[in-house]
Amino acid sequence: MGINIKVIRSSFDLVKPIASIVVDRFYEILFQDYPESKAFFAKIDMPKQKSALIAALVTAIDNLDNPDQLTRFLLNLGESHGHYGVEDHHYNWVGLSLMKSLKQSLLEAWTQDVEYQWAEVYAIMAEAMKAGAKRSKSNVRSIHREPSSGAPNRLEAKNEKHRDAPLESEWALTDSAKLHIRSLVEEVFDGLVKKEISICVDNYMQNLEKMTLADIIKKAM
């Protein structure tokens, strides 16, 4: 079962008119369930921050069918968060708080399928942002990842406090998703190598065009 973009966008259309309320509730839940998160926002203009979150969600949902654009956006967003000291486990806090706020806001429209689709989409977004954060710390080349149509990401309970609630669990990638990421990384790096070779060949050909026949013969000897 893969991502159903139509389901995500239909549910998000219900969120847009009440986006400010949903985001207010998100931060209430985040600060209540994870008090440590308050430290990240101590000197932040919260109205501006809330607007930025809404804009980020709109951009992500609008680009679900444009994986290259979506990945670039998420990598850059993750890189900027990395500079503020955001770690991998903080994305779990955000994901769980976001899911709670959506559930409380959409009420009966928050079906099991909608919950699954948002969990899958957020897991993909979080992984791309984590990669961006690592790039900010280690200068690793960016990777391009698109939503997988393979096995879904799981909501895996690793916390005693959240063991029984499906929305209150850690985000984890399935083995097939990990293999998918590995294949994408290999594909991208293979493409980078081919690109470098192509550039070298182009440069050589440009230099060759400037040479006389005598120069070419001399160089070949």
N, C-alpha and C. Protein backbone atom coordinates (compact mmCIF):
# COMPACT_ATOMS: atom_id res chain seq x y z
N MET A 1 0.85 -1.20 0.00
CA MET A 1 0.00 0.00 0.00
C MET A 1 0.88 1.24 0.00
N GLY A 2 0.84 2.04 -1.03
CA GLY A 2 1.67 3.22 -1.15
C GLY A 2 0.91 4.48 -0.76
N ILE A 3 1.56 5.60 -1.00
CA ILE A 3 0.95 6.88 -0.65
C ILE A 3 -0.15 7.23 -1.64
N ASN A 4 -1.28 7.64 -1.09
CA ASN A 4 -2.41 8.09 -1.90
C ASN A 4 -2.44 9.62 -1.79
N ILE A 5 -1.87 10.27 -2.79
CA ILE A 5 -1.76 11.72 -2.76
C ILE A 5 -3.13 12.38 -2.68
N LYS A 6 -4.11 11.78 -3.33
CA LYS A 6 -5.46 12.35 -3.33
C LYS A 6 -6.03 12.39 -1.92
N VAL A 7 -5.80 11.35 -1.15
CA VAL A 7 -6.30 11.30 0.23
C VAL A 7 -5.62 12.38 1.07
N ILE A 8 -4.31 12.52 0.91
CA ILE A 8 -3.57 13.53 1.66
C ILE A 8 -4.08 14.93 1.33
N ARG A 9 -4.21 15.21 0.07
CA ARG A 9 -4.63 16.56 -0.34
C ARG A 9 -6.08 16.84 0.03
N SER A 10 -6.93 15.85 -0.04
CA SER A 10 -8.33 16.04 0.34
C SER A 10 -8.44 16.38 1.82
N SER A 11 -7.69 15.66 2.63
CA SER A 11 -7.72 15.93 4.07
C SER A 11 -7.06 17.27 4.38
N PHE A 12 -6.02 17.61 3.63
CA PHE A 12 -5.35 18.89 3.87
C PHE A 12 -6.23 20.06 3.45
N ASP A 13 -7.09 19.85 2.47
CA ASP A 13 -8.05 20.89 2.08
C ASP A 13 -8.97 21.24 3.24
N LEU A 14 -9.25 20.25 4.09
CA LEU A 14 -10.08 20.49 5.26
C LEU A 14 -9.31 21.25 6.33
N VAL A 15 -7.99 21.09 6.32
CA VAL A 15 -7.14 21.74 7.31
C VAL A 15 -6.92 23.21 6.98
N LYS A 16 -6.78 23.53 5.71
CA LYS A 16 -6.41 24.89 5.29
C LYS A 16 -7.27 25.99 5.91
N PRO A 17 -8.61 25.86 5.94
CA PRO A 17 -9.43 26.94 6.51
C PRO A 17 -9.20 27.15 8.00
N ILE A 18 -8.71 26.11 8.68
CA ILE A 18 -8.49 26.20 10.12
C ILE A 18 -7.00 25.98 10.44
N ALA A 19 -6.15 26.30 9.48
CA ALA A 19 -4.71 26.03 9.63
C ALA A 19 -4.12 26.66 10.88
N SER A 20 -4.51 27.89 11.17
CA SER A 20 -3.95 28.58 12.34
C SER A 20 -4.34 27.86 13.63
N ILE A 21 -5.57 27.34 13.67
CA ILE A 21 -6.03 26.60 14.86
C ILE A 21 -5.26 25.29 14.99
N VAL A 22 -5.07 24.60 13.88
CA VAL A 22 -4.34 23.33 13.89
C VAL A 22 -2.91 23.54 14.36
N VAL A 23 -2.28 24.58 13.86
CA VAL A 23 -0.88 24.85 14.23
C VAL A 23 -0.78 25.28 15.69
N ASP A 24 -1.73 26.08 16.16
CA ASP A 24 -1.74 26.45 17.58
C ASP A 24 -1.84 25.20 18.45
N ARG A 25 -2.72 24.30 18.05
CA ARG A 25 -2.90 23.06 18.80
C ARG A 25 -1.64 22.20 18.72
N PHE A 26 -0.98 22.20 17.58
CA PHE A 26 0.25 21.43 17.40
C PHE A 26 1.30 21.85 18.43
N TYR A 27 1.50 23.16 18.56
CA TYR A 27 2.52 23.62 19.49
C TYR A 27 2.10 23.39 20.95
N GLU A 28 0.82 23.47 21.22
CA GLU A 28 0.34 23.17 22.57
C GLU A 28 0.68 21.73 22.93
N ILE A 29 0.41 20.82 22.02
CA ILE A 29 0.68 19.40 22.24
C ILE A 29 2.18 19.15 22.35
N LEU A 30 2.95 19.76 21.44
CA LEU A 30 4.40 19.58 21.44
C LEU A 30 5.01 20.02 22.77
N PHE A 31 4.62 21.20 23.25
CA PHE A 31 5.19 21.72 24.49
C PHE A 31 4.68 20.96 25.71
N GLN A 32 3.47 20.44 25.62
CA GLN A 32 2.91 19.68 26.73
C GLN A 32 3.52 18.29 26.83
N ASP A 33 3.61 17.59 25.70
CA ASP A 33 4.12 16.22 25.71
C ASP A 33 5.64 16.16 25.75
N TYR A 34 6.29 17.18 25.21
CA TYR A 34 7.76 17.19 25.14
C TYR A 34 8.27 18.55 25.60
N PRO A 35 8.25 18.81 26.90
CA PRO A 35 8.63 20.12 27.45
C PRO A 35 10.03 20.57 27.02
N GLU A 36 10.91 19.58 26.75
CA GLU A 36 12.27 19.93 26.35
C GLU A 36 12.30 20.73 25.05
N SER A 37 11.24 20.57 24.25
CA SER A 37 11.20 21.24 22.95
C SER A 37 11.08 22.76 23.09
N LYS A 38 10.62 23.23 24.22
CA LYS A 38 10.44 24.67 24.42
C LYS A 38 11.75 25.44 24.24
N ALA A 39 12.86 24.77 24.54
CA ALA A 39 14.16 25.43 24.45
C ALA A 39 14.47 25.90 23.03
N PHE A 40 13.95 25.20 22.04
CA PHE A 40 14.21 25.56 20.65
C PHE A 40 13.48 26.85 20.24
N PHE A 41 12.44 27.21 21.00
CA PHE A 41 11.60 28.34 20.61
C PHE A 41 11.66 29.50 21.59
N ALA A 42 12.62 29.44 22.50
CA ALA A 42 12.70 30.46 23.55
C ALA A 42 12.87 31.87 22.98
N LYS A 43 13.62 32.00 21.91
CA LYS A 43 13.89 33.32 21.33
C LYS A 43 13.28 33.47 19.93
N ILE A 44 12.28 32.65 19.65
CA ILE A 44 11.65 32.63 18.33
C ILE A 44 10.38 33.47 18.31
N ASP A 45 10.17 34.18 17.24
CA ASP A 45 8.91 34.91 17.01
C ASP A 45 7.86 33.86 16.64
N MET A 46 7.02 33.49 17.59
CA MET A 46 6.11 32.37 17.39
C MET A 46 5.07 32.61 16.29
N PRO A 47 4.47 33.79 16.18
CA PRO A 47 3.55 34.01 15.05
C PRO A 47 4.23 33.77 13.70
N LYS A 48 5.47 34.23 13.59
CA LYS A 48 6.23 34.02 12.35
C LYS A 48 6.55 32.55 12.17
N GLN A 49 6.90 31.87 13.26
CA GLN A 49 7.21 30.45 13.21
C GLN A 49 6.00 29.63 12.78
N LYS A 50 4.84 29.97 13.30
CA LYS A 50 3.62 29.25 12.95
C LYS A 50 3.27 29.44 11.47
N SER A 51 3.47 30.63 10.99
CA SER A 51 3.23 30.89 9.57
C SER A 51 4.19 30.09 8.70
N ALA A 52 5.44 29.98 9.17
CA ALA A 52 6.45 29.23 8.44
C ALA A 52 6.10 27.74 8.39
N LEU A 53 5.54 27.23 9.48
CA LEU A 53 5.14 25.82 9.51
C LEU A 53 4.01 25.56 8.53
N ILE A 54 3.04 26.45 8.51
CA ILE A 54 1.92 26.30 7.56
C ILE A 54 2.45 26.33 6.13
N ALA A 55 3.35 27.28 5.85
CA ALA A 55 3.91 27.40 4.51
C ALA A 55 4.69 26.16 4.12
N ALA A 56 5.41 25.57 5.08
CA ALA A 56 6.19 24.36 4.81
C ALA A 56 5.28 23.19 4.47
N LEU A 57 4.18 23.06 5.22
CA LEU A 57 3.23 21.99 4.95
C LEU A 57 2.58 22.15 3.58
N VAL A 58 2.22 23.38 3.25
CA VAL A 58 1.61 23.65 1.94
C VAL A 58 2.58 23.29 0.82
N THR A 59 3.83 23.70 0.97
CA THR A 59 4.83 23.41 -0.05
C THR A 59 5.04 21.90 -0.21
N ALA A 60 5.11 21.20 0.92
CA ALA A 60 5.34 19.75 0.88
C ALA A 60 4.17 19.03 0.21
N ILE A 61 2.96 19.36 0.60
CA ILE A 61 1.78 18.68 0.05
C ILE A 61 1.61 19.01 -1.43
N ASP A 62 1.89 20.24 -1.79
CA ASP A 62 1.77 20.65 -3.20
C ASP A 62 2.77 19.93 -4.09
N ASN A 63 3.88 19.47 -3.51
CA ASN A 63 4.93 18.85 -4.32
C ASN A 63 5.05 17.34 -4.11
N LEU A 64 4.03 16.72 -3.58
CA LEU A 64 4.07 15.27 -3.38
C LEU A 64 4.24 14.52 -4.70
N ASP A 65 3.73 15.09 -5.79
CA ASP A 65 3.87 14.44 -7.08
C ASP A 65 5.05 15.01 -7.86
N ASN A 66 5.90 15.77 -7.19
CA ASN A 66 7.12 16.31 -7.79
C ASN A 66 8.28 15.98 -6.86
N PRO A 67 8.71 14.70 -6.82
CA PRO A 67 9.69 14.25 -5.83
C PRO A 67 11.01 15.00 -5.83
N ASP A 68 11.49 15.41 -7.01
CA ASP A 68 12.76 16.14 -7.05
C ASP A 68 12.65 17.47 -6.32
N GLN A 69 11.59 18.22 -6.62
CA GLN A 69 11.37 19.51 -5.97
C GLN A 69 11.12 19.33 -4.48
N LEU A 70 10.33 18.31 -4.14
CA LEU A 70 10.01 18.04 -2.74
C LEU A 70 11.27 17.71 -1.95
N THR A 71 12.12 16.86 -2.53
CA THR A 71 13.33 16.45 -1.83
C THR A 71 14.29 17.61 -1.64
N ARG A 72 14.46 18.44 -2.67
CA ARG A 72 15.33 19.61 -2.52
C ARG A 72 14.83 20.52 -1.39
N PHE A 73 13.51 20.72 -1.37
CA PHE A 73 12.92 21.58 -0.34
C PHE A 73 13.16 21.00 1.06
N LEU A 74 12.93 19.71 1.21
CA LEU A 74 13.06 19.07 2.52
C LEU A 74 14.51 18.98 2.97
N LEU A 75 15.42 18.71 2.04
CA LEU A 75 16.84 18.67 2.37
C LEU A 75 17.31 20.03 2.88
N ASN A 76 16.91 21.08 2.19
CA ASN A 76 17.29 22.44 2.61
C ASN A 76 16.67 22.80 3.96
N LEU A 77 15.41 22.39 4.13
CA LEU A 77 14.73 22.67 5.39
C LEU A 77 15.41 21.92 6.53
N GLY A 78 15.75 20.65 6.28
CA GLY A 78 16.43 19.86 7.30
C GLY A 78 17.81 20.40 7.62
N GLU A 79 18.50 20.91 6.59
CA GLU A 79 19.83 21.48 6.79
C GLU A 79 19.75 22.70 7.70
N SER A 80 18.74 23.54 7.47
CA SER A 80 18.59 24.74 8.31
C SER A 80 18.25 24.35 9.75
N HIS A 81 17.43 23.31 9.91
CA HIS A 81 17.10 22.84 11.26
C HIS A 81 18.34 22.25 11.95
N GLY A 82 19.19 21.62 11.15
CA GLY A 82 20.40 21.04 11.72
C GLY A 82 21.29 22.07 12.37
N HIS A 83 21.31 23.27 11.81
CA HIS A 83 22.12 24.35 12.37
C HIS A 83 21.61 24.78 13.75
N TYR A 84 20.34 24.50 14.04
CA TYR A 84 19.77 24.87 15.34
C TYR A 84 19.89 23.74 16.36
N GLY A 85 20.54 22.66 15.96
CA GLY A 85 20.76 21.56 16.91
C GLY A 85 19.64 20.54 16.96
N VAL A 86 18.77 20.53 15.95
CA VAL A 86 17.69 19.54 15.91
C VAL A 86 18.28 18.16 15.63
N GLU A 87 17.92 17.18 16.46
CA GLU A 87 18.41 15.81 16.31
C GLU A 87 17.30 14.90 15.77
N ASP A 88 17.69 13.69 15.40
CA ASP A 88 16.73 12.76 14.78
C ASP A 88 15.49 12.53 15.64
N HIS A 89 15.68 12.33 16.95
CA HIS A 89 14.53 12.00 17.79
C HIS A 89 13.55 13.16 17.92
N HIS A 90 13.99 14.37 17.63
CA HIS A 90 13.08 15.52 17.69
C HIS A 90 12.01 15.44 16.59
N TYR A 91 12.34 14.77 15.48
CA TYR A 91 11.36 14.60 14.42
C TYR A 91 10.22 13.68 14.86
N ASN A 92 10.53 12.77 15.79
CA ASN A 92 9.47 11.93 16.35
C ASN A 92 8.49 12.78 17.16
N TRP A 93 9.04 13.70 17.95
CA TRP A 93 8.18 14.59 18.73
C TRP A 93 7.25 15.37 17.82
N VAL A 94 7.83 15.93 16.77
CA VAL A 94 7.05 16.75 15.84
C VAL A 94 5.99 15.90 15.15
N GLY A 95 6.38 14.73 14.68
CA GLY A 95 5.44 13.86 13.96
C GLY A 95 4.26 13.45 14.82
N LEU A 96 4.54 13.03 16.04
CA LEU A 96 3.47 12.59 16.93
C LEU A 96 2.55 13.76 17.30
N SER A 97 3.14 14.93 17.52
CA SER A 97 2.34 16.11 17.86
C SER A 97 1.49 16.56 16.68
N LEU A 98 2.06 16.48 15.50
CA LEU A 98 1.31 16.86 14.29
C LEU A 98 0.14 15.92 14.07
N MET A 99 0.38 14.63 14.22
CA MET A 99 -0.69 13.65 14.03
C MET A 99 -1.82 13.86 15.03
N LYS A 100 -1.46 14.15 16.26
CA LYS A 100 -2.47 14.41 17.29
C LYS A 100 -3.30 15.64 16.96
N SER A 101 -2.63 16.70 16.54
CA SER A 101 -3.34 17.94 16.24
C SER A 101 -4.26 17.77 15.03
N LEU A 102 -3.83 17.00 14.04
CA LEU A 102 -4.67 16.73 12.88
C LEU A 102 -5.88 15.90 13.27
N LYS A 103 -5.66 14.90 14.10
CA LYS A 103 -6.75 14.03 14.54
C LYS A 103 -7.80 14.83 15.32
N GLN A 104 -7.34 15.67 16.21
CA GLN A 104 -8.26 16.46 17.02
C GLN A 104 -8.99 17.51 16.20
N SER A 105 -8.40 17.94 15.09
CA SER A 105 -9.00 18.99 14.27
C SER A 105 -9.94 18.43 13.21
N LEU A 106 -9.59 17.27 12.64
CA LEU A 106 -10.40 16.70 11.56
C LEU A 106 -11.55 15.82 12.07
N LEU A 107 -11.47 15.41 13.34
CA LEU A 107 -12.55 14.64 13.96
C LEU A 107 -12.92 13.42 13.13
N GLU A 108 -14.18 13.32 12.69
CA GLU A 108 -14.64 12.11 11.97
C GLU A 108 -13.98 11.97 10.60
N ALA A 109 -13.42 13.05 10.07
CA ALA A 109 -12.72 12.97 8.78
C ALA A 109 -11.36 12.30 8.92
N TRP A 110 -10.91 12.16 10.16
CA TRP A 110 -9.63 11.49 10.42
C TRP A 110 -9.86 9.98 10.47
N THR A 111 -9.91 9.36 9.33
CA THR A 111 -10.16 7.93 9.23
C THR A 111 -8.85 7.15 9.37
N GLN A 112 -8.98 5.84 9.43
CA GLN A 112 -7.78 4.99 9.54
C GLN A 112 -6.89 5.16 8.31
N ASP A 113 -7.50 5.28 7.15
CA ASP A 113 -6.72 5.45 5.92
C ASP A 113 -6.01 6.80 5.90
N VAL A 114 -6.70 7.85 6.33
CA VAL A 114 -6.10 9.18 6.38
C VAL A 114 -4.91 9.17 7.36
N GLU A 115 -5.11 8.52 8.49
CA GLU A 115 -4.03 8.42 9.47
C GLU A 115 -2.82 7.72 8.87
N TYR A 116 -3.06 6.61 8.18
CA TYR A 116 -1.97 5.87 7.57
C TYR A 116 -1.23 6.72 6.55
N GLN A 117 -1.97 7.41 5.69
CA GLN A 117 -1.35 8.20 4.64
C GLN A 117 -0.49 9.33 5.22
N TRP A 118 -0.98 9.99 6.24
CA TRP A 118 -0.21 11.06 6.86
C TRP A 118 1.02 10.50 7.57
N ALA A 119 0.89 9.34 8.19
CA ALA A 119 2.04 8.72 8.85
C ALA A 119 3.12 8.39 7.83
N GLU A 120 2.71 7.87 6.69
CA GLU A 120 3.66 7.53 5.63
C GLU A 120 4.34 8.78 5.07
N VAL A 121 3.54 9.80 4.79
CA VAL A 121 4.10 11.03 4.23
C VAL A 121 5.05 11.69 5.22
N TYR A 122 4.66 11.74 6.49
CA TYR A 122 5.54 12.39 7.46
C TYR A 122 6.84 11.62 7.62
N ALA A 123 6.77 10.29 7.60
CA ALA A 123 7.99 9.49 7.72
C ALA A 123 8.96 9.81 6.59
N ILE A 124 8.43 9.97 5.39
CA ILE A 124 9.27 10.31 4.23
C ILE A 124 9.84 11.72 4.39
N MET A 125 9.01 12.66 4.80
CA MET A 125 9.48 14.03 5.01
C MET A 125 10.58 14.07 6.07
N ALA A 126 10.36 13.34 7.17
CA ALA A 126 11.33 13.34 8.27
C ALA A 126 12.67 12.76 7.83
N GLU A 127 12.63 11.67 7.05
CA GLU A 127 13.88 11.06 6.60
C GLU A 127 14.68 12.00 5.71
N ALA A 128 13.98 12.71 4.82
CA ALA A 128 14.66 13.67 3.95
C ALA A 128 15.26 14.81 4.76
N MET A 129 14.53 15.29 5.75
CA MET A 129 15.03 16.39 6.58
C MET A 129 16.20 15.93 7.45
N LYS A 130 16.17 14.70 7.92
CA LYS A 130 17.30 14.16 8.69
C LYS A 130 18.55 14.11 7.81
N ALA A 131 18.35 13.71 6.55
CA ALA A 131 19.48 13.67 5.62
C ALA A 131 20.03 15.07 5.40
N GLY A 132 19.14 16.05 5.32
CA GLY A 132 19.58 17.43 5.17
C GLY A 132 20.36 17.91 6.38
N ALA A 133 19.90 17.51 7.57
CA ALA A 133 20.60 17.90 8.81
C ALA A 133 22.00 17.29 8.84
N LYS A 134 22.11 16.04 8.41
CA LYS A 134 23.42 15.38 8.38
C LYS A 134 24.33 16.06 7.35
N ARG A 135 23.73 16.53 6.26
CA ARG A 135 24.51 17.22 5.25
C ARG A 135 25.11 18.51 5.82
N SER A 136 24.36 19.17 6.69
CA SER A 136 24.85 20.42 7.28
C SER A 136 26.02 20.16 8.22
N LYS A 137 26.09 18.93 8.75
CA LYS A 137 27.13 18.62 9.72
C LYS A 137 28.34 17.96 9.09
N SER A 138 28.13 17.22 8.01
CA SER A 138 29.24 16.44 7.45
C SER A 138 29.52 16.72 5.99
N ASN A 139 28.78 17.69 5.41
CA ASN A 139 28.97 18.06 4.00
C ASN A 139 28.76 16.88 3.06
N VAL A 140 27.88 15.96 3.43
CA VAL A 140 27.55 14.84 2.57
C VAL A 140 26.71 15.35 1.41
N ARG A 141 26.94 14.82 0.20
CA ARG A 141 26.16 15.23 -0.95
C ARG A 141 24.69 14.91 -0.71
N SER A 142 23.78 15.72 -1.28
CA SER A 142 22.35 15.51 -1.11
C SER A 142 21.90 14.27 -1.86
N ILE A 143 20.81 13.66 -1.34
CA ILE A 143 20.22 12.52 -2.00
C ILE A 143 18.82 12.89 -2.43
N HIS A 144 18.33 12.25 -3.51
CA HIS A 144 16.99 12.48 -3.99
C HIS A 144 16.15 11.27 -3.68
N ARG A 145 15.08 11.50 -2.95
CA ARG A 145 14.21 10.40 -2.59
C ARG A 145 12.80 10.73 -2.96
N GLU A 146 12.09 9.80 -3.52
CA GLU A 146 10.70 10.02 -3.84
C GLU A 146 9.85 9.05 -3.05
N PRO A 147 8.58 9.37 -2.82
CA PRO A 147 7.71 8.48 -2.06
C PRO A 147 7.73 7.08 -2.65
N SER A 148 7.92 6.09 -1.76
CA SER A 148 8.00 4.70 -2.21
C SER A 148 6.61 4.09 -2.33
N SER A 149 6.44 3.25 -3.35
CA SER A 149 5.17 2.55 -3.52
C SER A 149 5.26 1.16 -2.89
N GLY A 150 6.38 0.88 -2.21
CA GLY A 150 6.57 -0.43 -1.61
C GLY A 150 5.93 -0.50 -0.24
N ALA A 151 6.53 -1.32 0.64
CA ALA A 151 5.95 -1.53 1.96
C ALA A 151 5.94 -0.24 2.74
N PRO A 152 4.90 0.02 3.56
CA PRO A 152 4.76 1.28 4.28
C PRO A 152 5.72 1.39 5.44
N ASN A 153 5.97 2.63 5.84
CA ASN A 153 6.72 2.85 7.07
C ASN A 153 5.83 2.47 8.24
N ARG A 154 6.46 2.05 9.35
CA ARG A 154 5.68 1.60 10.50
C ARG A 154 5.71 2.64 11.60
N LEU A 155 4.64 2.64 12.41
CA LEU A 155 4.64 3.40 13.66
C LEU A 155 5.01 2.40 14.73
N GLU A 156 6.27 2.40 15.15
CA GLU A 156 6.77 1.36 16.05
C GLU A 156 6.89 1.89 17.47
N ALA A 157 6.23 1.24 18.39
CA ALA A 157 6.26 1.69 19.79
C ALA A 157 7.57 1.29 20.43
N LYS A 158 8.29 2.30 20.95
CA LYS A 158 9.55 2.04 21.64
C LYS A 158 9.55 2.71 23.01
N ASN A 159 8.44 3.32 23.36
CA ASN A 159 8.39 4.12 24.57
C ASN A 159 7.30 3.59 25.49
N GLU A 160 7.62 3.35 26.74
CA GLU A 160 6.64 2.79 27.68
C GLU A 160 5.42 3.67 27.80
N LYS A 161 5.64 4.96 27.78
CA LYS A 161 4.55 5.91 27.93
C LYS A 161 3.58 5.83 26.77
N HIS A 162 4.08 5.53 25.57
CA HIS A 162 3.26 5.57 24.37
C HIS A 162 2.95 4.19 23.80
N ARG A 163 3.19 3.11 24.56
CA ARG A 163 3.12 1.77 24.01
C ARG A 163 1.77 1.42 23.42
N ASP A 164 0.69 1.81 24.08
CA ASP A 164 -0.63 1.34 23.67
C ASP A 164 -1.32 2.22 22.66
N ALA A 165 -0.86 3.42 22.45
CA ALA A 165 -1.55 4.35 21.54
C ALA A 165 -0.87 4.35 20.19
N PRO A 166 -1.61 4.03 19.08
CA PRO A 166 -0.99 3.97 17.75
C PRO A 166 -0.41 5.29 17.30
N LEU A 167 -0.94 6.41 17.79
CA LEU A 167 -0.40 7.70 17.37
C LEU A 167 0.80 8.11 18.21
N GLU A 168 1.03 7.42 19.32
CA GLU A 168 2.10 7.82 20.22
C GLU A 168 3.21 6.79 20.18
N SER A 169 3.87 6.67 19.03
CA SER A 169 4.93 5.71 18.86
C SER A 169 6.02 6.29 17.99
N GLU A 170 7.19 5.66 18.01
CA GLU A 170 8.32 6.16 17.24
C GLU A 170 8.14 5.85 15.77
N TRP A 171 8.69 6.71 14.93
CA TRP A 171 8.63 6.51 13.50
C TRP A 171 9.80 5.64 13.09
N ALA A 172 9.54 4.60 12.28
CA ALA A 172 10.61 3.72 11.84
C ALA A 172 10.42 3.36 10.38
N LEU A 173 11.53 3.21 9.66
CA LEU A 173 11.48 2.80 8.26
C LEU A 173 11.51 1.29 8.17
N THR A 174 10.76 0.73 7.26
CA THR A 174 10.80 -0.70 7.01
C THR A 174 12.10 -1.05 6.30
N ASP A 175 12.44 -2.34 6.30
CA ASP A 175 13.65 -2.79 5.61
C ASP A 175 13.59 -2.47 4.12
N SER A 176 12.40 -2.63 3.53
CA SER A 176 12.27 -2.36 2.10
C SER A 176 12.47 -0.88 1.80
N ALA A 177 12.02 -0.02 2.72
CA ALA A 177 12.22 1.42 2.53
C ALA A 177 13.71 1.77 2.62
N LYS A 178 14.42 1.10 3.55
CA LYS A 178 15.86 1.34 3.67
C LYS A 178 16.58 0.91 2.39
N LEU A 179 16.18 -0.24 1.84
CA LEU A 179 16.78 -0.70 0.59
C LEU A 179 16.49 0.28 -0.54
N HIS A 180 15.27 0.86 -0.51
CA HIS A 180 14.89 1.82 -1.54
C HIS A 180 15.78 3.06 -1.46
N ILE A 181 16.04 3.53 -0.25
CA ILE A 181 16.90 4.69 -0.06
C ILE A 181 18.31 4.38 -0.54
N ARG A 182 18.81 3.18 -0.19
CA ARG A 182 20.15 2.79 -0.62
C ARG A 182 20.27 2.79 -2.13
N SER A 183 19.25 2.23 -2.80
CA SER A 183 19.29 2.17 -4.26
C SER A 183 19.25 3.56 -4.88
N LEU A 184 18.49 4.47 -4.24
CA LEU A 184 18.42 5.84 -4.75
C LEU A 184 19.75 6.56 -4.57
N VAL A 185 20.39 6.34 -3.43
CA VAL A 185 21.69 6.95 -3.19
C VAL A 185 22.70 6.46 -4.22
N GLU A 186 22.72 5.14 -4.44
CA GLU A 186 23.65 4.58 -5.42
C GLU A 186 23.38 5.14 -6.80
N GLU A 187 22.09 5.28 -7.13
CA GLU A 187 21.72 5.81 -8.44
C GLU A 187 22.18 7.25 -8.61
N VAL A 188 22.00 8.04 -7.55
CA VAL A 188 22.39 9.45 -7.62
C VAL A 188 23.90 9.60 -7.75
N PHE A 189 24.66 8.84 -6.94
CA PHE A 189 26.11 8.93 -7.01
C PHE A 189 26.63 8.43 -8.35
N ASP A 190 25.98 7.40 -8.89
CA ASP A 190 26.34 6.91 -10.22
C ASP A 190 26.13 8.02 -11.25
N GLY A 191 25.01 8.75 -11.08
CA GLY A 191 24.72 9.85 -11.98
C GLY A 191 25.74 10.97 -11.84
N LEU A 192 26.19 11.22 -10.59
CA LEU A 192 27.19 12.26 -10.37
C LEU A 192 28.51 11.90 -11.05
N VAL A 193 28.89 10.62 -10.96
CA VAL A 193 30.13 10.18 -11.60
C VAL A 193 30.04 10.36 -13.11
N LYS A 194 28.90 9.93 -13.68
CA LYS A 194 28.72 10.07 -15.12
C LYS A 194 28.76 11.55 -15.53
N LYS A 195 28.19 12.41 -14.68
CA LYS A 195 28.18 13.84 -14.98
C LYS A 195 29.59 14.39 -15.00
N GLU A 196 30.42 13.97 -14.01
CA GLU A 196 31.80 14.44 -13.96
C GLU A 196 32.57 13.98 -15.19
N ILE A 197 32.35 12.73 -15.62
CA ILE A 197 33.01 12.20 -16.80
C ILE A 197 32.60 13.01 -18.03
N SER A 198 31.30 13.30 -18.12
CA SER A 198 30.78 14.05 -19.25
C SER A 198 31.42 15.43 -19.33
N ILE A 199 31.58 16.08 -18.16
CA ILE A 199 32.20 17.40 -18.12
C ILE A 199 33.64 17.33 -18.60
N CYS A 200 34.37 16.29 -18.15
CA CYS A 200 35.76 16.13 -18.56
C CYS A 200 35.87 15.93 -20.07
N VAL A 201 34.96 15.09 -20.62
CA VAL A 201 34.97 14.84 -22.06
C VAL A 201 34.67 16.12 -22.83
N ASP A 202 33.69 16.88 -22.35
CA ASP A 202 33.33 18.14 -23.02
C ASP A 202 34.52 19.11 -23.02
N ASN A 203 35.19 19.20 -21.87
CA ASN A 203 36.34 20.09 -21.78
C ASN A 203 37.45 19.65 -22.73
N TYR A 204 37.65 18.34 -22.79
CA TYR A 204 38.70 17.81 -23.67
C TYR A 204 38.38 18.12 -25.13
N MET A 205 37.09 17.93 -25.50
CA MET A 205 36.68 18.18 -26.87
C MET A 205 36.82 19.65 -27.23
N GLN A 206 36.53 20.52 -26.28
CA GLN A 206 36.68 21.95 -26.53
C GLN A 206 38.14 22.31 -26.76
N ASN A 207 39.02 21.70 -25.97
CA ASN A 207 40.45 21.94 -26.15
C ASN A 207 40.93 21.36 -27.48
N LEU A 208 40.35 20.21 -27.83
CA LEU A 208 40.74 19.54 -29.07
C LEU A 208 40.40 20.39 -30.29
N GLU A 209 39.25 21.07 -30.22
CA GLU A 209 38.82 21.90 -31.34
C GLU A 209 39.77 23.07 -31.59
N LYS A 210 40.51 23.46 -30.56
CA LYS A 210 41.42 24.58 -30.68
C LYS A 210 42.79 24.17 -31.21
N MET A 211 43.01 22.85 -31.29
CA MET A 211 44.32 22.34 -31.69
C MET A 211 44.40 22.14 -33.20
N THR A 212 45.59 22.30 -33.73
CA THR A 212 45.81 22.01 -35.15
C THR A 212 46.04 20.52 -35.30
N LEU A 213 46.02 20.04 -36.55
CA LEU A 213 46.24 18.63 -36.81
C LEU A 213 47.62 18.20 -36.32
N ALA A 214 48.61 19.08 -36.51
CA ALA A 214 49.97 18.77 -36.05
C ALA A 214 50.02 18.62 -34.53
N ASP A 215 49.28 19.49 -33.83
CA ASP A 215 49.23 19.42 -32.36
C ASP A 215 48.60 18.11 -31.89
N ILE A 216 47.53 17.72 -32.60
CA ILE A 216 46.82 16.49 -32.25
C ILE A 216 47.73 15.28 -32.41
N ILE A 217 48.45 15.24 -33.55
CA ILE A 217 49.36 14.12 -33.82
C ILE A 217 50.48 14.08 -32.78
N LYS A 218 51.00 15.27 -32.45
CA LYS A 218 52.06 15.34 -31.47
C LYS A 218 51.60 14.87 -30.10
N LYS A 219 50.36 15.24 -29.74
CA LYS A 219 49.82 14.88 -28.42
C LYS A 219 49.56 13.37 -28.34
N ALA A 220 49.18 12.78 -29.51
CA ALA A 220 48.88 11.35 -29.53
C ALA A 220 50.13 10.48 -29.45
N MET A 221 51.27 11.05 -29.81
CA MET A 221 52.52 10.26 -29.86
C MET A 221 53.12 10.11 -28.46
